[in-house]
């Protein structure tokens, strides 16, 4: 059984929900601009806090973007979807409602679509990525396949860092795409992951973005991290 992204499992009625501004994901993608070089460049830029904040929000220049290696996402990661369904993330939804245009319940409905996944954990060690589900684990070795710049409706942008499977289980996806609000080499503190067998189709996926935080964090610590952003 293929480990596809869970967007296909969503009910059609759920897709009619009004999309609010995500805590971490931007508005739907209008276009993917280009694939960049596969050559790794690990020169780190040390901008000001305000510059990093602008990058996090999706405002940056093309020449600020650098290639990254899979080591930026190394480690063991847990899905936040179970925390949302069991109510642990309700304070985050309430925080969003205080500063946004939707009710806490409407935000929760939105994230129930965005976070939905049956892949409970991701383990990344070297070039090996393991997808852990209740029904079993699939793993594959992945190599860097460049990045894509995505332009969103509100005018900001995002970068998807893409890796292609070179060996491993047949059930492991052919492509994985990371989005973590960073555009140069740095260890991720959380990320959204897109996976499947069609590279181009994944770039159009903007309603379902399974999100992962370090496995050692408690639910309450994740709440604090989310509210801080």
Protein backbone atom coordinates (compact mmCIF):
# COMPACT_ATOMS: atom_id res chain seq x y z
CA UNK A 1 0.00 0.00 0.00
CA UNK A 2 1.49 3.36 -1.06
CA UNK A 3 2.30 6.00 1.54
CA UNK A 4 0.54 8.83 -0.25
CA UNK A 5 -0.15 12.23 1.23
CA UNK A 6 -3.53 12.12 2.97
CA UNK A 7 -5.16 14.92 0.99
CA UNK A 8 -7.02 12.33 -1.03
CA UNK A 9 -8.70 11.05 2.12
CA UNK A 10 -10.46 14.33 2.79
CA UNK A 11 -14.19 14.57 2.30
CA UNK A 12 -15.32 16.90 -0.48
CA UNK A 13 -17.45 18.86 1.93
CA UNK A 14 -14.44 19.67 4.06
CA UNK A 15 -12.81 21.40 1.14
CA UNK A 16 -15.63 23.97 1.13
CA UNK A 17 -14.45 25.42 4.41
CA UNK A 18 -13.17 28.96 4.18
CA UNK A 19 -9.40 29.00 4.17
CA UNK A 20 -8.00 31.19 6.90
CA UNK A 21 -4.42 32.36 7.14
CA UNK A 22 -2.42 29.41 8.41
CA UNK A 23 -0.16 29.53 11.43
CA UNK A 24 2.63 28.25 9.30
CA UNK A 25 1.33 27.80 5.75
CA UNK A 26 0.63 30.66 3.40
CA UNK A 27 -2.31 31.09 1.02
CA UNK A 28 -2.83 28.77 -1.96
CA UNK A 29 -0.07 28.63 -4.53
CA UNK A 30 -0.46 30.57 -7.75
CA UNK A 31 2.64 29.29 -9.50
CA UNK A 32 5.93 27.46 -9.11
CA UNK A 33 8.62 29.69 -10.55
CA UNK A 34 11.65 27.51 -11.15
CA UNK A 35 13.86 24.61 -10.12
CA UNK A 36 17.23 25.67 -8.82
CA UNK A 37 20.64 24.06 -8.96
CA UNK A 38 21.18 20.75 -7.24
CA UNK A 39 24.67 21.82 -6.12
CA UNK A 40 24.80 22.24 -2.35
CA UNK A 41 25.82 25.60 -0.99
CA UNK A 42 26.22 25.73 2.76
CA UNK A 43 27.29 29.33 3.23
CA UNK A 44 25.08 30.68 5.99
CA UNK A 45 23.69 34.18 5.90
CA UNK A 46 23.42 35.99 9.22
CA UNK A 47 20.77 38.64 8.70
CA UNK A 48 19.08 40.74 11.30
CA UNK A 49 16.15 39.50 13.33
CA UNK A 50 13.81 41.65 11.23
CA UNK A 51 15.16 40.13 8.03
CA UNK A 52 14.60 36.62 9.38
CA UNK A 53 11.09 37.62 10.37
CA UNK A 54 10.38 38.85 6.85
CA UNK A 55 11.73 35.60 5.39
CA UNK A 56 9.52 33.60 7.76
CA UNK A 57 6.53 35.56 6.48
CA UNK A 58 7.52 34.83 2.88
CA UNK A 59 9.18 38.06 1.79
CA UNK A 60 12.64 37.59 0.31
CA UNK A 61 14.69 37.98 -2.86
CA UNK A 62 15.67 35.14 -5.18
CA UNK A 63 19.36 35.67 -4.49
CA UNK A 64 18.80 35.03 -0.78
CA UNK A 65 17.76 31.42 -1.43
CA UNK A 66 20.35 28.69 -0.96
CA UNK A 67 20.41 24.96 -1.52
CA UNK A 68 20.02 22.71 1.52
CA UNK A 69 20.83 19.14 2.45
CA UNK A 70 18.63 16.51 4.07
CA UNK A 71 20.66 16.94 7.27
CA UNK A 72 18.67 20.13 7.97
CA UNK A 73 15.71 17.88 8.79
CA UNK A 74 17.63 15.05 10.47
CA UNK A 75 16.16 13.44 13.57
CA UNK A 76 12.91 11.95 14.81
CA UNK A 77 9.70 13.88 14.27
CA UNK A 78 6.09 13.54 15.40
CA UNK A 79 2.89 14.55 13.66
CA UNK A 80 0.87 17.27 15.39
CA UNK A 81 -2.39 15.94 13.96
CA UNK A 82 -3.17 13.72 17.00
CA UNK A 83 -2.68 16.70 19.32
CA UNK A 84 -5.20 18.67 17.28
CA UNK A 85 -7.84 15.94 17.23
CA UNK A 86 -7.59 15.27 20.98
CA UNK A 87 -7.86 18.95 21.91
CA UNK A 88 -4.30 19.67 23.05
CA UNK A 89 -3.93 22.40 20.41
CA UNK A 90 -7.21 24.14 21.31
CA UNK A 91 -5.31 27.00 23.03
CA UNK A 92 -3.53 27.62 19.72
CA UNK A 93 -6.85 27.89 17.91
CA UNK A 94 -8.13 30.27 20.60
CA UNK A 95 -4.98 32.38 20.21
CA UNK A 96 -5.54 32.55 16.46
CA UNK A 97 -9.15 33.59 16.99
CA UNK A 98 -8.05 36.48 19.22
CA UNK A 99 -5.88 37.86 16.43
CA UNK A 100 -7.68 36.65 13.32
CA UNK A 101 -11.01 36.78 11.53
CA UNK A 102 -12.37 33.33 12.36
CA UNK A 103 -13.64 31.62 15.48
CA UNK A 104 -11.51 29.05 17.28
CA UNK A 105 -13.79 26.34 15.93
CA UNK A 106 -13.39 27.55 12.36
CA UNK A 107 -9.62 27.60 12.73
CA UNK A 108 -9.70 24.08 14.11
CA UNK A 109 -11.74 22.88 11.15
CA UNK A 110 -9.15 24.44 8.83
CA UNK A 111 -6.25 22.74 10.55
CA UNK A 112 -8.06 19.41 10.68
CA UNK A 113 -7.74 19.51 6.91
CA UNK A 114 -4.20 20.89 6.87
CA UNK A 115 -2.63 18.60 9.46
CA UNK A 116 -4.51 15.42 8.51
CA UNK A 117 -2.23 12.40 8.01
CA UNK A 118 -1.88 8.77 8.99
CA UNK A 119 1.93 9.02 9.07
CA UNK A 120 2.47 9.47 12.79
CA UNK A 121 6.23 9.87 12.71
CA UNK A 122 9.09 10.69 10.35
CA UNK A 123 12.63 9.48 11.04
CA UNK A 124 15.52 10.96 9.06
CA UNK A 125 19.03 9.54 9.38
CA UNK A 126 21.62 10.39 6.74
CA UNK A 127 19.92 9.95 3.38
CA UNK A 128 17.31 7.54 4.79
CA UNK A 129 13.76 8.66 5.50
CA UNK A 130 11.33 6.41 7.34
CA UNK A 131 7.56 6.92 7.30
CA UNK A 132 5.96 5.39 10.39
CA UNK A 133 2.29 4.43 10.41
CA UNK A 134 0.20 2.21 12.65
CA UNK A 135 0.11 -0.29 9.82
CA UNK A 136 3.88 -0.37 9.34
CA UNK A 137 6.97 1.52 8.23
CA UNK A 138 8.23 2.38 4.75
CA UNK A 139 11.71 3.74 4.13
CA UNK A 140 13.80 4.99 1.26
CA UNK A 141 17.08 6.69 0.44
CA UNK A 142 16.64 10.19 -0.99
CA UNK A 143 18.82 12.60 -2.93
CA UNK A 144 18.47 16.36 -3.39
CA UNK A 145 16.41 17.38 -6.43
CA UNK A 146 16.53 21.17 -6.19
CA UNK A 147 13.99 23.64 -4.91
CA UNK A 148 10.92 25.42 -6.20
CA UNK A 149 9.79 28.94 -5.43
CA UNK A 150 6.04 29.18 -4.91
CA UNK A 151 4.10 32.42 -5.23
CA UNK A 152 0.98 32.81 -3.08
CA UNK A 153 -2.17 34.82 -3.70
CA UNK A 154 -1.45 37.33 -0.95
CA UNK A 155 1.88 38.24 -2.57
CA UNK A 156 4.32 36.43 -0.33
CA UNK A 157 6.29 33.37 -1.37
CA UNK A 158 7.58 30.04 -0.12
CA UNK A 159 10.31 27.57 -1.00
CA UNK A 160 9.86 23.82 -1.30
CA UNK A 161 13.05 21.78 -0.92
CA UNK A 162 12.65 18.57 -2.91
CA UNK A 163 14.25 15.14 -2.56
CA UNK A 164 13.83 12.14 -4.87
CA UNK A 165 13.95 8.49 -3.89
CA UNK A 166 16.92 6.58 -5.28
CA UNK A 167 16.32 3.26 -3.50
CA UNK A 168 14.17 1.67 -0.82
CA UNK A 169 10.71 0.26 -0.28
CA UNK A 170 8.27 0.42 -3.16
CA UNK A 171 5.68 1.86 -0.80
CA UNK A 172 7.92 4.81 0.09
CA UNK A 173 7.01 7.91 -1.96
CA UNK A 174 9.09 8.90 -4.97
CA UNK A 175 9.30 12.52 -3.85
CA UNK A 176 9.25 14.43 -0.60
CA UNK A 177 9.05 18.21 -0.35
CA UNK A 178 9.93 20.19 2.78
CA UNK A 179 8.59 23.63 3.68
CA UNK A 180 9.85 25.14 6.94
CA UNK A 181 9.89 28.92 6.36
CA UNK A 182 13.65 28.89 5.88
CA UNK A 183 15.50 29.59 2.63
CA UNK A 184 19.10 28.74 3.52
CA UNK A 185 20.91 25.95 5.41
CA UNK A 186 19.69 25.72 9.01
CA UNK A 187 18.33 23.02 11.29
CA UNK A 188 14.53 22.90 11.10
CA UNK A 189 12.49 23.41 14.28
CA UNK A 190 9.34 22.13 12.58
CA UNK A 191 8.25 21.57 8.99
CA UNK A 192 5.41 20.79 6.64
CA UNK A 193 6.00 17.71 4.49
CA UNK A 194 4.44 16.84 1.15
CA UNK A 195 4.97 13.42 -0.39
CA UNK A 196 3.86 11.40 -3.39
CA UNK A 197 4.96 10.04 -6.75
CA UNK A 198 4.25 13.11 -8.92
CA UNK A 199 6.71 15.96 -8.37
CA UNK A 200 4.68 18.61 -10.18
CA UNK A 201 1.35 17.62 -8.64
CA UNK A 202 2.78 17.98 -5.14
CA UNK A 203 3.60 21.61 -5.83
CA UNK A 204 -0.11 22.26 -6.33
CA UNK A 205 -1.05 20.74 -2.98
CA UNK A 206 -1.97 23.59 -0.64
CA UNK A 207 -4.85 22.29 1.46
CA UNK A 208 -3.12 19.38 3.20
CA UNK A 209 0.30 19.96 4.75
CA UNK A 210 1.14 17.36 7.43
CA UNK A 211 3.23 19.11 10.05
CA UNK A 212 5.99 17.66 12.21
CA UNK A 213 7.72 18.76 15.40
CA UNK A 214 10.64 17.13 17.25
CA UNK A 215 9.60 13.81 18.77
CA UNK A 216 10.90 14.76 22.21
CA UNK A 217 8.51 17.69 22.63
CA UNK A 218 5.37 17.30 24.72
CA UNK A 219 2.02 18.52 23.50
CA UNK A 220 2.21 21.52 25.81
CA UNK A 221 5.65 22.45 24.51
CA UNK A 222 4.32 22.32 20.95
CA UNK A 223 1.47 24.63 21.97
CA UNK A 224 4.00 27.10 23.35
CA UNK A 225 6.06 26.94 20.17
CA UNK A 226 3.03 27.54 17.98
CA UNK A 227 1.73 30.45 20.01
CA UNK A 228 5.19 32.04 19.98
CA UNK A 229 5.00 32.20 16.18
